[in-house]
N, C-alpha and C. Protein backbone atom coordinates (compact mmCIF):
# COMPACT_ATOMS: atom_id res chain seq x y z
N MET A 1 0.58 -1.19 0.24
CA MET A 1 0.30 -0.21 -0.35
C MET A 1 0.51 1.40 -0.25
N LEU A 2 0.84 2.07 -1.09
CA LEU A 2 0.99 3.51 -0.94
C LEU A 2 0.31 4.59 0.07
N TYR A 3 1.27 4.65 0.86
CA TYR A 3 0.68 6.28 1.87
C TYR A 3 1.46 7.63 1.33
N ILE A 4 0.82 8.49 1.25
CA ILE A 4 1.21 9.54 0.98
C ILE A 4 1.43 10.82 2.39
N LEU A 5 2.50 11.26 2.90
CA LEU A 5 1.95 11.56 4.16
C LEU A 5 3.07 12.76 3.57
N SER A 6 2.22 14.01 3.73
CA SER A 6 2.35 15.35 3.44
C SER A 6 1.86 16.37 4.18
N GLY A 7 2.28 17.63 3.84
CA GLY A 7 1.66 18.84 4.93
C GLY A 7 3.04 20.15 4.65
N ALA A 8 2.29 21.46 5.57
CA ALA A 8 3.44 22.70 5.27
C ALA A 8 4.62 22.15 5.67
N SER A 9 5.73 22.79 5.43
CA SER A 9 7.37 23.01 5.86
C SER A 9 7.26 23.32 7.38
N CYS A 10 8.02 22.11 8.23
CA CYS A 10 7.85 22.52 9.36
C CYS A 10 6.89 21.69 10.43
N ALA A 11 5.91 21.20 9.42
CA ALA A 11 4.37 20.33 9.83
C ALA A 11 5.20 19.35 10.89
N GLY A 12 6.13 19.05 10.63
CA GLY A 12 6.59 17.60 11.12
C GLY A 12 6.50 16.40 10.25
N LYS A 13 6.62 16.26 9.23
CA LYS A 13 6.42 15.05 8.70
C LYS A 13 7.14 14.08 8.52
N THR A 14 8.99 14.25 8.16
CA THR A 14 9.92 12.92 8.73
C THR A 14 9.82 13.00 10.22
N THR A 15 9.81 13.87 10.82
CA THR A 15 9.85 13.63 12.55
C THR A 15 8.62 12.50 12.76
N VAL A 16 7.74 12.62 12.19
CA VAL A 16 6.54 11.80 12.58
C VAL A 16 6.70 10.33 11.86
N TYR A 17 7.14 10.53 10.28
CA TYR A 17 7.75 9.13 9.79
C TYR A 17 8.58 8.68 10.75
N GLU A 18 9.88 9.04 11.04
CA GLU A 18 10.74 8.11 11.62
C GLU A 18 10.39 7.96 13.03
N GLN A 19 9.28 8.59 13.69
CA GLN A 19 9.09 7.91 14.82
C GLN A 19 8.12 6.69 14.25
N LEU A 20 7.55 7.00 13.63
CA LEU A 20 6.43 5.77 13.12
C LEU A 20 7.45 4.43 12.77
N GLU A 21 8.78 4.47 11.95
CA GLU A 21 9.02 3.90 11.55
C GLU A 21 9.93 2.91 12.62
N LYS A 22 9.89 3.41 13.61
CA LYS A 22 10.57 2.62 14.80
C LYS A 22 9.27 1.95 15.93
N THR A 23 8.28 1.89 15.10
CA THR A 23 6.95 0.93 15.72
C THR A 23 6.26 0.21 14.74
N TYR A 24 6.77 0.27 13.51
CA TYR A 24 5.89 -0.52 12.51
C TYR A 24 6.87 -0.78 11.14
N PRO A 25 6.97 -1.76 10.61
CA PRO A 25 7.90 -2.39 9.19
C PRO A 25 7.46 -1.46 8.53
N LEU A 26 8.00 -0.53 7.97
CA LEU A 26 7.46 0.86 6.96
C LEU A 26 9.22 0.21 5.67
N ARG A 27 8.74 1.13 4.85
CA ARG A 27 9.69 1.61 3.04
C ARG A 27 9.12 2.76 3.06
N ARG A 28 10.22 3.38 2.34
CA ARG A 28 9.94 5.15 2.03
C ARG A 28 10.54 5.18 0.73
N VAL A 29 9.42 5.86 0.16
CA VAL A 29 9.95 6.62 -1.01
C VAL A 29 10.85 8.10 -1.32
N ILE A 30 12.25 7.50 -1.57
CA ILE A 30 13.17 8.72 -1.30
C ILE A 30 13.24 9.39 -2.67
N THR A 31 13.09 10.88 -1.86
CA THR A 31 12.49 12.31 -2.96
C THR A 31 14.26 12.75 -3.59
N THR A 32 14.45 12.92 -4.95
CA THR A 32 15.55 13.56 -5.30
C THR A 32 15.37 14.82 -4.85
N THR A 33 16.68 15.62 -4.61
CA THR A 33 16.49 17.12 -4.69
C THR A 33 17.76 17.57 -5.08
N THR A 34 17.85 18.86 -5.27
CA THR A 34 18.74 19.96 -5.62
C THR A 34 19.40 20.51 -4.55
N ARG A 35 18.68 20.86 -3.36
CA ARG A 35 18.93 21.68 -1.93
C ARG A 35 20.35 20.75 -1.50
N ALA A 36 21.19 21.70 -0.84
CA ALA A 36 22.19 20.69 -0.11
C ALA A 36 21.57 20.00 1.17
N PRO A 37 22.40 19.00 1.47
CA PRO A 37 22.10 18.17 2.73
C PRO A 37 22.43 19.23 3.42
N ARG A 38 21.10 18.73 4.96
CA ARG A 38 21.29 19.37 6.44
C ARG A 38 22.74 18.71 6.82
N THR A 39 22.71 18.63 8.08
CA THR A 39 24.20 18.25 8.95
C THR A 39 23.37 16.72 9.03
N ASN A 40 22.31 16.49 9.51
CA ASN A 40 22.55 15.02 9.88
C ASN A 40 21.61 14.17 8.99
N GLU A 41 21.81 14.48 7.28
CA GLU A 41 21.10 14.14 6.43
C GLU A 41 22.01 13.07 5.42
N VAL A 42 21.75 12.01 4.96
CA VAL A 42 22.56 11.20 4.23
C VAL A 42 22.03 10.88 2.85
N HIS A 43 22.80 11.01 2.02
CA HIS A 43 22.63 10.44 0.44
C HIS A 43 21.58 9.24 0.18
N GLY A 44 20.95 9.07 -0.06
CA GLY A 44 19.82 7.74 -0.40
C GLY A 44 19.34 7.19 0.50
N VAL A 45 19.28 7.70 1.68
CA VAL A 45 18.72 7.76 3.37
C VAL A 45 17.27 8.54 3.43
N ASP A 46 17.93 9.95 3.02
CA ASP A 46 16.91 11.07 3.42
C ASP A 46 16.57 11.45 2.29
N TYR A 47 17.05 11.52 1.41
CA TYR A 47 17.46 12.17 0.01
C TYR A 47 18.22 11.80 -1.10
N PHE A 48 18.05 12.11 -2.61
CA PHE A 48 18.81 11.75 -3.28
C PHE A 48 19.17 13.17 -3.88
N PHE A 49 20.68 13.51 -3.46
CA PHE A 49 20.78 15.03 -3.56
C PHE A 49 21.86 14.88 -4.71
N ILE A 50 21.30 15.56 -5.70
CA ILE A 50 22.20 15.84 -7.04
C ILE A 50 22.35 17.18 -7.47
N THR A 51 22.82 17.62 -8.52
CA THR A 51 22.87 18.86 -8.96
C THR A 51 21.81 19.37 -9.97
N ARG A 52 21.62 20.68 -9.86
CA ARG A 52 20.41 21.72 -10.66
C ARG A 52 20.64 20.41 -12.01
N ASP A 53 21.72 20.98 -12.49
CA ASP A 53 21.85 19.97 -13.61
C ASP A 53 21.56 18.39 -14.00
N GLU A 54 22.14 18.01 -13.23
CA GLU A 54 21.45 16.41 -13.23
C GLU A 54 20.14 16.26 -13.20
N PHE A 55 19.48 17.28 -12.40
CA PHE A 55 18.07 16.87 -11.78
C PHE A 55 17.32 17.40 -13.66
N GLU A 56 17.68 18.23 -13.89
CA GLU A 56 17.01 19.05 -14.91
C GLU A 56 17.31 17.95 -16.52
N ARG A 57 18.24 17.35 -16.27
CA ARG A 57 18.29 15.78 -17.46
C ARG A 57 17.71 14.81 -16.96
N LEU A 58 17.55 14.26 -15.97
CA LEU A 58 16.77 12.98 -15.34
C LEU A 58 15.10 13.84 -15.64
N HIS A 59 14.64 14.71 -15.47
CA HIS A 59 13.14 15.20 -15.61
C HIS A 59 12.87 15.62 -17.43
N GLU A 60 13.93 15.65 -17.90
CA GLU A 60 13.97 15.91 -19.69
C GLU A 60 14.21 14.39 -20.36
N ALA A 61 14.05 13.41 -19.47
CA ALA A 61 14.15 12.14 -19.71
C ALA A 61 12.68 11.12 -19.57
N GLY A 62 11.99 12.41 -18.57
CA GLY A 62 10.64 11.62 -18.29
C GLY A 62 10.67 10.34 -16.89
N GLU A 63 11.57 10.91 -15.73
CA GLU A 63 11.96 10.00 -14.95
C GLU A 63 11.50 10.45 -13.62
N PHE A 64 11.01 11.42 -14.06
CA PHE A 64 9.97 12.11 -12.41
C PHE A 64 8.49 11.73 -12.99
N LEU A 65 7.81 11.17 -11.59
CA LEU A 65 6.22 11.30 -11.63
C LEU A 65 5.89 12.62 -11.69
N GLU A 66 6.36 13.64 -10.55
CA GLU A 66 6.02 14.85 -10.33
C GLU A 66 7.55 15.91 -9.45
N ILE A 67 7.61 17.19 -10.16
CA ILE A 67 8.84 17.78 -9.61
C ILE A 67 7.73 19.04 -9.12
N ASN A 68 8.56 19.68 -8.18
CA ASN A 68 8.27 20.98 -7.87
C ASN A 68 9.60 22.01 -7.35
N GLU A 69 9.16 22.71 -7.62
CA GLU A 69 10.30 24.22 -6.89
C GLU A 69 9.89 24.37 -5.75
N TYR A 70 10.48 24.50 -5.04
CA TYR A 70 10.62 24.63 -3.48
C TYR A 70 11.41 25.64 -2.80
N ALA A 71 11.32 27.25 -2.48
CA ALA A 71 12.53 27.98 -1.65
C ALA A 71 13.87 27.63 -2.72
N GLY A 72 13.40 27.66 -4.15
CA GLY A 72 15.11 27.94 -4.88
C GLY A 72 15.07 26.31 -5.03
N ASN A 73 14.61 25.35 -4.14
CA ASN A 73 15.50 24.30 -4.88
C ASN A 73 14.36 23.19 -5.45
N LEU A 74 14.92 22.30 -6.54
CA LEU A 74 14.33 21.51 -7.12
C LEU A 74 13.71 20.27 -6.38
N TYR A 75 12.88 19.39 -6.11
CA TYR A 75 12.54 18.38 -5.66
C TYR A 75 11.61 17.57 -6.32
N GLY A 76 11.48 15.87 -6.62
CA GLY A 76 11.17 15.18 -7.40
C GLY A 76 10.66 13.88 -6.68
N THR A 77 9.82 13.27 -7.24
CA THR A 77 9.33 11.85 -7.14
C THR A 77 9.86 11.16 -8.28
N ARG A 78 10.65 10.00 -8.69
CA ARG A 78 11.26 9.26 -9.20
C ARG A 78 10.34 7.63 -9.77
N TRP A 79 9.56 8.34 -11.10
CA TRP A 79 9.08 6.95 -11.14
C TRP A 79 9.67 5.71 -10.87
N GLU A 80 10.57 5.21 -10.94
CA GLU A 80 11.35 3.92 -10.11
C GLU A 80 11.23 3.95 -9.20
N GLN A 81 11.22 4.94 -7.68
CA GLN A 81 10.79 4.52 -6.87
C GLN A 81 9.20 4.47 -6.19
N ILE A 82 8.49 4.92 -6.97
CA ILE A 82 6.85 4.12 -7.31
C ILE A 82 6.63 3.53 -7.47
N ARG A 83 7.10 2.71 -8.79
CA ARG A 83 6.87 1.70 -9.20
C ARG A 83 7.47 0.58 -8.08
N GLU A 84 8.94 0.79 -7.35
CA GLU A 84 8.94 -0.17 -6.26
C GLU A 84 8.30 0.08 -5.11
N ALA A 85 7.64 0.69 -4.58
CA ALA A 85 6.73 1.20 -4.03
C ALA A 85 5.11 0.34 -4.02
N VAL A 86 4.79 0.54 -5.02
CA VAL A 86 3.25 -0.30 -5.58
C VAL A 86 3.68 -1.45 -5.81
N ALA A 87 4.93 -2.27 -5.93
CA ALA A 87 4.79 -3.53 -6.26
C ALA A 87 5.26 -4.17 -4.55
N SER A 88 5.69 -3.67 -4.08
CA SER A 88 6.21 -3.89 -2.58
C SER A 88 4.87 -4.42 -1.27
N PRO A 89 4.96 -5.39 -0.98
CA PRO A 89 4.34 -5.88 0.24
C PRO A 89 3.77 -4.75 1.40
N ASP A 90 4.96 -4.11 1.42
CA ASP A 90 5.09 -3.36 2.27
C ASP A 90 4.41 -2.12 2.62
N ALA A 91 4.36 -1.61 3.66
CA ALA A 91 3.54 0.11 3.72
C ALA A 91 4.24 0.66 3.28
N VAL A 92 4.39 1.24 2.19
CA VAL A 92 5.18 1.91 1.57
C VAL A 92 5.19 3.99 1.56
N PHE A 93 5.76 4.51 2.03
CA PHE A 93 5.10 5.84 2.24
C PHE A 93 6.36 6.71 1.36
N ALA A 94 5.64 7.89 0.73
CA ALA A 94 6.12 9.10 0.23
C ALA A 94 6.18 10.06 0.64
N ILE A 95 7.04 10.45 1.46
CA ILE A 95 6.95 12.22 2.10
C ILE A 95 7.28 12.88 1.56
N ILE A 96 6.26 13.91 0.82
CA ILE A 96 6.09 14.64 0.02
C ILE A 96 5.41 16.20 0.29
N ASP A 97 5.49 17.34 -0.69
CA ASP A 97 5.43 18.50 -0.37
C ASP A 97 4.22 18.48 -0.81
N VAL A 98 2.90 19.24 -0.63
CA VAL A 98 1.88 19.25 -1.06
C VAL A 98 1.62 19.29 -2.63
N ASN A 99 2.11 20.09 -3.74
CA ASN A 99 2.33 20.00 -4.73
C ASN A 99 2.37 18.79 -5.44
N GLY A 100 3.54 18.18 -4.68
CA GLY A 100 3.89 16.67 -5.27
C GLY A 100 2.87 15.69 -4.59
N ALA A 101 2.07 15.86 -3.63
CA ALA A 101 1.41 14.67 -3.09
C ALA A 101 0.05 14.87 -4.15
N GLN A 102 -0.30 15.90 -4.55
CA GLN A 102 -1.52 16.14 -5.41
C GLN A 102 -1.03 15.48 -7.01
N ALA A 103 -0.09 14.95 -7.07
CA ALA A 103 0.14 14.70 -8.50
C ALA A 103 0.43 13.23 -8.19
N VAL A 104 0.68 12.69 -7.32
CA VAL A 104 0.71 11.40 -6.81
C VAL A 104 -0.55 10.89 -6.67
N MET A 105 -1.20 11.60 -5.88
CA MET A 105 -2.80 11.28 -6.03
C MET A 105 -3.82 11.22 -6.93
N THR A 106 -3.23 11.61 -8.38
CA THR A 106 -4.07 11.92 -9.04
C THR A 106 -3.20 10.62 -9.90
N GLU A 107 -1.92 10.51 -9.93
CA GLU A 107 -1.70 8.88 -10.28
C GLU A 107 -2.10 7.99 -9.98
N PHE A 108 -2.40 7.68 -8.57
CA PHE A 108 -2.05 6.93 -7.70
C PHE A 108 -3.56 6.98 -7.04
N PRO A 109 -5.07 7.12 -7.62
CA PRO A 109 -5.87 7.57 -6.45
C PRO A 109 -5.65 6.58 -5.41
N GLU A 110 -5.94 5.48 -5.46
CA GLU A 110 -5.94 4.31 -4.64
C GLU A 110 -5.09 4.40 -3.41
N ALA A 111 -3.89 5.10 -3.52
CA ALA A 111 -3.12 5.91 -2.51
C ALA A 111 -3.51 6.45 -1.38
N VAL A 112 -3.28 6.01 0.13
CA VAL A 112 -3.98 7.02 1.20
C VAL A 112 -3.37 8.20 1.94
N SER A 113 -3.78 9.32 1.77
CA SER A 113 -3.04 10.32 1.62
C SER A 113 -3.41 10.99 3.23
N ILE A 114 -2.32 11.57 3.70
CA ILE A 114 -2.50 11.84 4.79
C ILE A 114 -2.03 13.45 5.18
N PHE A 115 -2.97 13.97 5.53
CA PHE A 115 -1.79 15.73 6.06
C PHE A 115 -1.78 15.75 7.17
N ILE A 116 -0.48 16.30 7.52
CA ILE A 116 0.20 16.40 9.00
C ILE A 116 0.22 18.24 8.90
N GLU A 117 -0.74 18.36 9.89
CA GLU A 117 -0.78 19.32 10.50
C GLU A 117 -0.09 20.45 11.48
N PRO A 118 0.25 21.40 11.88
CA PRO A 118 0.31 21.62 13.24
C PRO A 118 -0.76 22.26 14.26
N GLU A 119 -0.57 21.94 15.14
CA GLU A 119 -1.60 22.68 16.18
C GLU A 119 -2.03 24.18 15.61
N SER A 120 -1.37 25.13 15.32
CA SER A 120 -1.61 25.99 14.82
C SER A 120 -0.63 26.73 14.09
N PHE A 121 -1.21 28.01 13.23
CA PHE A 121 -0.31 28.44 12.17
C PHE A 121 1.00 29.15 13.24
N GLU A 122 0.65 29.54 14.31
CA GLU A 122 1.74 30.08 15.21
C GLU A 122 2.84 29.39 15.68
N ASP A 123 2.38 27.74 15.77
CA ASP A 123 3.32 26.81 16.23
C ASP A 123 4.34 26.20 14.83
N LEU A 124 4.28 26.38 13.99
CA LEU A 124 4.28 26.03 12.29
C LEU A 124 5.76 27.75 12.58
N ARG A 125 5.12 28.57 12.90
CA ARG A 125 6.45 29.77 12.76
C ARG A 125 7.07 29.33 13.58
N VAL A 126 7.14 29.25 14.94
CA VAL A 126 7.83 28.61 15.97
C VAL A 126 9.16 27.54 15.40
N ARG A 127 7.88 26.42 15.07
CA ARG A 127 9.41 25.61 14.62
C ARG A 127 10.23 25.80 13.34
N MET A 128 9.96 27.25 12.62
CA MET A 128 10.81 27.53 11.59
C MET A 128 11.94 28.29 12.40
N LEU A 129 11.11 29.42 13.04
CA LEU A 129 12.29 29.81 14.05
C LEU A 129 13.26 28.93 14.84
N ASN A 130 12.79 28.29 15.31
CA ASN A 130 14.01 26.57 16.09
C ASN A 130 14.69 25.81 15.29
N ARG A 131 14.50 25.90 13.92
CA ARG A 131 15.08 25.31 13.05
C ARG A 131 16.19 25.92 12.88
N GLY A 132 16.20 27.04 13.12
CA GLY A 132 17.74 28.09 13.01
C GLY A 132 18.15 28.06 11.34
N GLU A 133 17.88 27.95 10.16
CA GLU A 133 18.12 27.33 9.08
C GLU A 133 17.85 28.57 8.19
N ASN A 134 17.19 28.95 8.58
CA ASN A 134 16.37 30.63 7.64
C ASN A 134 17.03 32.20 8.15
N THR A 135 16.82 32.87 7.16
CA THR A 135 16.53 34.49 7.27
C THR A 135 15.87 34.57 7.43
N PRO A 136 14.93 35.80 8.49
CA PRO A 136 14.27 36.33 8.91
C PRO A 136 12.86 36.20 7.36
N GLU A 137 13.45 36.78 6.43
CA GLU A 137 13.46 37.15 4.96
C GLU A 137 12.43 35.54 4.30
N GLU A 138 13.39 34.79 4.51
CA GLU A 138 13.36 33.42 4.11
C GLU A 138 12.06 32.46 4.69
N ILE A 139 11.87 33.35 6.23
CA ILE A 139 11.00 32.29 6.75
C ILE A 139 9.70 32.70 6.79
N GLU A 140 9.64 34.18 6.70
CA GLU A 140 8.28 34.76 5.68
C GLU A 140 7.85 34.27 4.57
N ARG A 141 8.91 34.27 3.63
CA ARG A 141 8.42 33.25 2.45
C ARG A 141 7.54 32.04 2.47
N ARG A 142 8.97 30.93 3.47
CA ARG A 142 8.01 29.95 3.62
C ARG A 142 6.77 29.73 4.66
N LEU A 143 6.49 30.68 5.20
CA LEU A 143 5.24 30.80 6.12
C LEU A 143 4.41 31.09 4.65
N GLU A 144 4.52 31.97 3.99
CA GLU A 144 3.58 32.43 2.82
C GLU A 144 3.12 31.06 2.57
N ILE A 145 4.27 30.42 1.82
CA ILE A 145 3.91 29.14 1.03
C ILE A 145 3.01 27.67 2.21
N ALA A 146 3.31 27.69 3.42
CA ALA A 146 2.53 27.24 4.18
C ALA A 146 1.16 27.33 4.37
N ARG A 147 0.82 28.90 4.01
CA ARG A 147 -0.25 29.22 4.17
C ARG A 147 -1.54 28.69 2.96
N GLU A 148 -0.49 29.01 1.68
CA GLU A 148 -1.17 27.92 1.02
C GLU A 148 -1.60 26.56 0.86
N GLU A 149 -0.57 26.05 1.08
CA GLU A 149 -0.48 24.76 1.27
C GLU A 149 -1.34 24.10 2.44
N MET A 150 -1.75 24.95 3.48
CA MET A 150 -2.48 24.45 4.65
C MET A 150 -3.52 24.30 4.07
N LYS A 151 -4.41 25.17 3.08
CA LYS A 151 -5.68 25.37 2.69
C LYS A 151 -5.81 24.11 1.70
N LYS A 152 -5.12 23.64 0.82
CA LYS A 152 -5.31 22.05 0.51
C LYS A 152 -5.16 20.84 1.50
N ALA A 153 -5.57 21.10 2.68
CA ALA A 153 -5.67 20.01 3.70
C ALA A 153 -6.56 19.10 2.91
N PRO A 154 -7.99 19.87 3.13
CA PRO A 154 -9.52 19.29 2.61
C PRO A 154 -9.21 17.97 1.30
N LEU A 155 -7.93 18.10 0.59
CA LEU A 155 -8.21 17.27 -0.33
C LEU A 155 -7.37 16.23 -0.47
N PHE A 156 -6.94 15.74 1.32
CA PHE A 156 -6.22 14.76 1.64
C PHE A 156 -7.42 13.82 2.41
N LYS A 157 -7.19 12.18 2.37
CA LYS A 157 -8.16 11.48 2.92
C LYS A 157 -8.39 11.39 4.42
N HIS A 158 -6.94 11.93 4.93
CA HIS A 158 -6.96 12.47 6.82
C HIS A 158 -6.02 13.30 6.86
N ARG A 159 -6.34 14.04 7.98
CA ARG A 159 -5.85 14.46 8.54
C ARG A 159 -5.16 14.29 9.78
N VAL A 160 -3.61 14.66 10.26
CA VAL A 160 -3.19 14.32 11.36
C VAL A 160 -2.84 15.73 12.18
N VAL A 161 -2.83 15.67 13.31
CA VAL A 161 -2.40 17.38 14.17
C VAL A 161 -1.11 16.68 14.68
N ASN A 162 0.16 17.27 14.46
CA ASN A 162 1.23 16.85 15.14
C ASN A 162 1.51 18.13 16.12
N HIS A 163 1.10 17.95 17.34
CA HIS A 163 1.28 18.66 18.75
C HIS A 163 2.48 17.88 19.39
N VAL A 164 1.71 16.46 19.35
CA VAL A 164 2.35 15.46 20.29
C VAL A 164 2.45 14.68 19.57
N ILE A 165 3.84 14.33 19.26
CA ILE A 165 4.10 13.08 18.45
C ILE A 165 3.98 11.79 18.20
N ASP A 166 3.93 11.52 19.69
CA ASP A 166 3.01 10.56 19.92
C ASP A 166 1.58 9.94 19.87
N HIS A 167 0.87 11.35 19.33
CA HIS A 167 -0.54 11.09 19.32
C HIS A 167 -0.75 10.92 17.92
N ALA A 168 0.50 11.81 17.62
CA ALA A 168 0.29 11.53 15.70
C ALA A 168 0.89 10.40 15.38
N VAL A 169 1.32 9.97 15.83
CA VAL A 169 1.74 8.70 15.55
C VAL A 169 1.05 7.39 15.64
N GLU A 170 0.37 7.58 16.63
CA GLU A 170 -0.48 6.80 16.94
C GLU A 170 -2.08 6.92 16.03
N SER A 171 -2.12 8.11 15.43
CA SER A 171 -3.25 8.28 14.64
C SER A 171 -3.07 7.95 13.07
N ILE A 172 -1.90 7.80 12.73
CA ILE A 172 -1.11 7.24 11.75
C ILE A 172 -1.11 5.62 11.92
N LEU A 173 -0.81 5.21 12.87
CA LEU A 173 -0.94 3.14 13.05
C LEU A 173 -2.48 3.41 13.06
N ASN A 174 -2.93 3.87 13.21
CA ASN A 174 -4.49 3.52 13.49
C ASN A 174 -5.18 3.37 11.70
N ILE A 175 -4.52 4.75 10.83
CA ILE A 175 -5.15 4.81 9.75
C ILE A 175 -4.32 3.32 9.23
N ILE A 176 -3.28 2.72 9.34
CA ILE A 176 -2.68 1.85 8.68
C ILE A 176 -3.33 0.93 8.55
N LYS A 177 -3.50 0.04 10.02
CA LYS A 177 -4.46 -0.72 10.50
C LYS A 177 -6.01 -0.55 10.02
């Protein structure tokens, strides 16, 4: 079964998935991106980190199901990753942004879509500030994007509030079961 885990930036998609993975056997579709890895990220585990030129070559060759530009970086879900996921007997999660999720849901309407949302918009702002990775201007731009992304939450089959991570994980486990 293919699960789509999406939500606004800093809503906690990856954190929720990592906690979920500790309690349930899962596989993950790994997104390809042109952004630089964060300190704790590993190529081929967290993302496939590639150059913009390489990304554009793969896109021209039809290798992506969906692509999106976010904060100046390209992100995409490769067909190869999705085909492997659909063929797998495991619960497979695609952790992707809202626009990418819509593309995957269109192509695979049987996928179970889950929107992770913060308890409040202010909670999202605090998470972005606490990350310490962006300038105030970048944070404001990301918050504007997040406002638009959050408007698309009703398009998803399930919505999970990520205020207490254990509760969010429990909610998703209930969806899987």
